[in-house]
Amino acid sequence: MSDNENDQPKREFVPYDADEAIEILNAVFPRSTVELVQQSTGVPIRTVTRWLKGESRMPPNLVGKFRKQSELRDEFREELRALYDDMRADGLSRQVARSVLLELAYSDYFSEIDEI
């Protein structure tokens, strides 16, 4: 063993929890999970399907990235809900709010898929 190998910190073993990985993916994309995970990662649909069935392991770094996306998603949803509540108190109707959300969802702001 060389001196360089002794100098490098050992990686801590983290056991894989398939149920947790699946839960995280479903939390990030509750609808069209397979398709959106595939588009976000670029991995084949078959691989994503195997991850979601617990038949293969998702790379740990990807689990971490999706965990972060889940946290950000929750924060984003709560901020939108708070804004919606404030606007409703000012008189915004549900149908107008829904129309704005749909308009934004189908606008150029969200037309691209980011790689995760």
C-alpha atoms as a PDB file:
ATOM      1  CA  MET A   1       0.000   0.000   0.000  1.00  0.00           C
ATOM      2  CA  SER A   2       1.385   3.387  -0.968  1.00  0.00           C
ATOM      3  CA  ASP A   3       1.491   6.465   1.235  1.00  0.00           C
ATOM      4  CA  ASN A   4      -1.135   8.154  -0.960  1.00  0.00           C
ATOM      5  CA  GLU A   5      -3.667   5.429  -0.208  1.00  0.00           C
ATOM      6  CA  ASN A   6      -3.151   5.914   3.531  1.00  0.00           C
ATOM      7  CA  ASP A   7      -3.701   9.669   3.250  1.00  0.00           C
ATOM      8  CA  GLN A   8      -7.145   9.441   1.650  1.00  0.00           C
ATOM      9  CA  PRO A   9     -10.103   9.394   4.024  1.00  0.00           C
ATOM     10  CA  LYS A  10     -12.160   6.231   3.968  1.00  0.00           C
ATOM     11  CA  ARG A  11     -15.697   6.557   2.722  1.00  0.00           C
ATOM     12  CA  GLU A  12     -18.327   5.844   5.297  1.00  0.00           C
ATOM     13  CA  PHE A  13     -20.558   2.929   4.327  1.00  0.00           C
ATOM     14  CA  VAL A  14     -24.176   3.992   4.099  1.00  0.00           C
ATOM     15  CA  PRO A  15     -26.601   1.111   3.721  1.00  0.00           C
ATOM     16  CA  TYR A  16     -29.013   1.404   0.818  1.00  0.00           C
ATOM     17  CA  ASP A  17     -32.655   1.786   1.758  1.00  0.00           C
ATOM     18  CA  ALA A  18     -34.748   1.030  -1.331  1.00  0.00           C
ATOM     19  CA  ASP A  19     -37.994   2.035   0.382  1.00  0.00           C
ATOM     20  CA  GLU A  20     -36.552   5.433   1.275  1.00  0.00           C
ATOM     21  CA  ALA A  21     -35.219   5.993  -2.268  1.00  0.00           C
ATOM     22  CA  ILE A  22     -38.605   5.091  -3.755  1.00  0.00           C
ATOM     23  CA  GLU A  23     -40.406   7.350  -1.277  1.00  0.00           C
ATOM     24  CA  ILE A  24     -38.113  10.257  -2.185  1.00  0.00           C
ATOM     25  CA  LEU A  25     -38.696   9.834  -5.936  1.00  0.00           C
ATOM     26  CA  ASN A  26     -42.451   9.669  -5.427  1.00  0.00           C
ATOM     27  CA  ALA A  27     -42.330  12.749  -3.193  1.00  0.00           C
ATOM     28  CA  VAL A  28     -40.464  14.750  -5.825  1.00  0.00           C
ATOM     29  CA  PHE A  29     -42.665  13.567  -8.703  1.00  0.00           C
ATOM     30  CA  PRO A  30     -45.993  12.249  -7.381  1.00  0.00           C
ATOM     31  CA  ARG A  31     -47.372  12.107 -10.939  1.00  0.00           C
ATOM     32  CA  SER A  32     -45.628  10.648 -14.011  1.00  0.00           C
ATOM     33  CA  THR A  33     -42.811   9.543 -11.709  1.00  0.00           C
ATOM     34  CA  VAL A  34     -41.004   7.209 -14.126  1.00  0.00           C
ATOM     35  CA  GLU A  35     -41.074   9.632 -17.034  1.00  0.00           C
ATOM     36  CA  LEU A  36     -39.985  12.664 -15.020  1.00  0.00           C
ATOM     37  CA  VAL A  37     -37.182  10.804 -13.235  1.00  0.00           C
ATOM     38  CA  GLN A  38     -35.986   9.495 -16.612  1.00  0.00           C
ATOM     39  CA  GLN A  39     -36.068  12.968 -18.152  1.00  0.00           C
ATOM     40  CA  SER A  40     -34.320  14.460 -15.119  1.00  0.00           C
ATOM     41  CA  THR A  41     -31.520  11.898 -15.010  1.00  0.00           C
ATOM     42  CA  GLY A  42     -31.132  10.706 -18.599  1.00  0.00           C
ATOM     43  CA  VAL A  43     -31.027   7.082 -17.487  1.00  0.00           C
ATOM     44  CA  PRO A  44     -33.094   4.505 -19.398  1.00  0.00           C
ATOM     45  CA  ILE A  45     -36.752   4.036 -18.454  1.00  0.00           C
ATOM     46  CA  ARG A  46     -35.997   0.397 -17.625  1.00  0.00           C
ATOM     47  CA  THR A  47     -33.446   1.466 -15.012  1.00  0.00           C
ATOM     48  CA  VAL A  48     -35.843   3.964 -13.437  1.00  0.00           C
ATOM     49  CA  THR A  49     -38.555   1.305 -13.358  1.00  0.00           C
ATOM     50  CA  ARG A  50     -36.168  -1.090 -11.630  1.00  0.00           C
ATOM     51  CA  TRP A  51     -35.316   1.592  -9.050  1.00  0.00           C
ATOM     52  CA  LEU A  52     -39.001   2.198  -8.344  1.00  0.00           C
ATOM     53  CA  LYS A  53     -39.650  -1.528  -7.969  1.00  0.00           C
ATOM     54  CA  GLY A  54     -36.670  -1.891  -5.636  1.00  0.00           C
ATOM     55  CA  GLU A  55     -34.977  -4.273  -8.086  1.00  0.00           C
ATOM     56  CA  SER A  56     -31.763  -2.249  -8.390  1.00  0.00           C
ATOM     57  CA  ARG A  57     -29.933   0.365  -6.397  1.00  0.00           C
ATOM     58  CA  MET A  58     -30.087   4.000  -7.201  1.00  0.00           C
ATOM     59  CA  PRO A  59     -26.653   5.682  -7.034  1.00  0.00           C
ATOM     60  CA  PRO A  60     -26.230   7.259  -3.567  1.00  0.00           C
ATOM     61  CA  ASN A  61     -25.303  10.656  -5.004  1.00  0.00           C
ATOM     62  CA  LEU A  62     -28.560  10.653  -6.985  1.00  0.00           C
ATOM     63  CA  VAL A  63     -30.573   9.718  -3.893  1.00  0.00           C
ATOM     64  CA  GLY A  64     -28.978  12.714  -2.174  1.00  0.00           C
ATOM     65  CA  LYS A  65     -29.810  15.023  -5.067  1.00  0.00           C
ATOM     66  CA  PHE A  66     -33.443  13.889  -5.112  1.00  0.00           C
ATOM     67  CA  ARG A  67     -33.636  14.222  -1.318  1.00  0.00           C
ATOM     68  CA  LYS A  68     -32.563  17.867  -1.717  1.00  0.00           C
ATOM     69  CA  GLN A  69     -35.143  18.350  -4.494  1.00  0.00           C
ATOM     70  CA  SER A  70     -37.813  16.918  -2.180  1.00  0.00           C
ATOM     71  CA  GLU A  71     -36.890  19.419   0.532  1.00  0.00           C
ATOM     72  CA  LEU A  72     -36.915  22.306  -1.956  1.00  0.00           C
ATOM     73  CA  ARG A  73     -40.239  21.113  -3.386  1.00  0.00           C
ATOM     74  CA  ASP A  74     -41.809  21.155   0.072  1.00  0.00           C
ATOM     75  CA  GLU A  75     -40.443  24.653   0.722  1.00  0.00           C
ATOM     76  CA  PHE A  76     -41.677  25.900  -2.663  1.00  0.00           C
ATOM     77  CA  ARG A  77     -45.148  24.435  -2.090  1.00  0.00           C
ATOM     78  CA  GLU A  78     -45.403  26.056   1.351  1.00  0.00           C
ATOM     79  CA  GLU A  79     -44.312  29.434   0.021  1.00  0.00           C
ATOM     80  CA  LEU A  80     -46.879  29.207  -2.786  1.00  0.00           C
ATOM     81  CA  ARG A  81     -49.591  28.257  -0.301  1.00  0.00           C
ATOM     82  CA  ALA A  82     -48.712  31.206   1.932  1.00  0.00           C
ATOM     83  CA  LEU A  83     -48.802  33.586  -1.035  1.00  0.00           C
ATOM     84  CA  TYR A  84     -52.114  32.070  -2.162  1.00  0.00           C
ATOM     85  CA  ASP A  85     -53.612  32.552   1.308  1.00  0.00           C
ATOM     86  CA  ASP A  86     -52.498  36.192   1.324  1.00  0.00           C
ATOM     87  CA  MET A  87     -53.928  36.815  -2.145  1.00  0.00           C
ATOM     88  CA  ARG A  88     -57.190  35.064  -1.244  1.00  0.00           C
ATOM     89  CA  ALA A  89     -57.502  37.363   1.751  1.00  0.00           C
ATOM     90  CA  ASP A  90     -57.165  40.263  -0.720  1.00  0.00           C
ATOM     91  CA  GLY A  91     -59.991  38.823  -2.832  1.00  0.00           C
ATOM     92  CA  LEU A  92     -58.286  36.614  -5.450  1.00  0.00           C
ATOM     93  CA  SER A  93     -60.706  33.965  -6.692  1.00  0.00           C
ATOM     94  CA  ARG A  94     -59.752  30.291  -6.856  1.00  0.00           C
ATOM     95  CA  GLN A  95     -60.372  30.107 -10.598  1.00  0.00           C
ATOM     96  CA  VAL A  96     -58.094  33.078 -11.296  1.00  0.00           C
ATOM     97  CA  ALA A  97     -55.350  31.597  -9.104  1.00  0.00           C
ATOM     98  CA  ARG A  98     -55.677  28.238 -10.875  1.00  0.00           C
ATOM     99  CA  SER A  99     -55.573  29.942 -14.260  1.00  0.00           C
ATOM    100  CA  VAL A 100     -52.350  31.762 -13.345  1.00  0.00           C
ATOM    101  CA  LEU A 101     -50.723  28.557 -12.046  1.00  0.00           C
ATOM    102  CA  LEU A 102     -51.618  26.668 -15.217  1.00  0.00           C
ATOM    103  CA  GLU A 103     -50.430  29.545 -17.381  1.00  0.00           C
ATOM    104  CA  LEU A 104     -47.078  29.500 -15.614  1.00  0.00           C
ATOM    105  CA  ALA A 105     -46.822  25.693 -15.693  1.00  0.00           C
ATOM    106  CA  TYR A 106     -47.199  25.680 -19.471  1.00  0.00           C
ATOM    107  CA  SER A 107     -45.045  28.744 -20.127  1.00  0.00           C
ATOM    108  CA  ASP A 108     -41.467  28.914 -21.340  1.00  0.00           C
ATOM    109  CA  TYR A 109     -40.356  29.251 -17.710  1.00  0.00           C
ATOM    110  CA  PHE A 110     -40.995  25.539 -17.230  1.00  0.00           C
ATOM    111  CA  SER A 111     -40.626  24.124 -20.737  1.00  0.00           C
ATOM    112  CA  GLU A 112     -37.052  22.887 -20.232  1.00  0.00           C
ATOM    113  CA  ILE A 113     -36.110  19.874 -18.097  1.00  0.00           C
ATOM    114  CA  ASP A 114     -33.166  20.376 -15.730  1.00  0.00           C
ATOM    115  CA  GLU A 115     -30.795  17.483 -15.190  1.00  0.00           C
ATOM    116  CA  ILE A 116     -30.689  16.385 -11.580  1.00  0.00           C
END
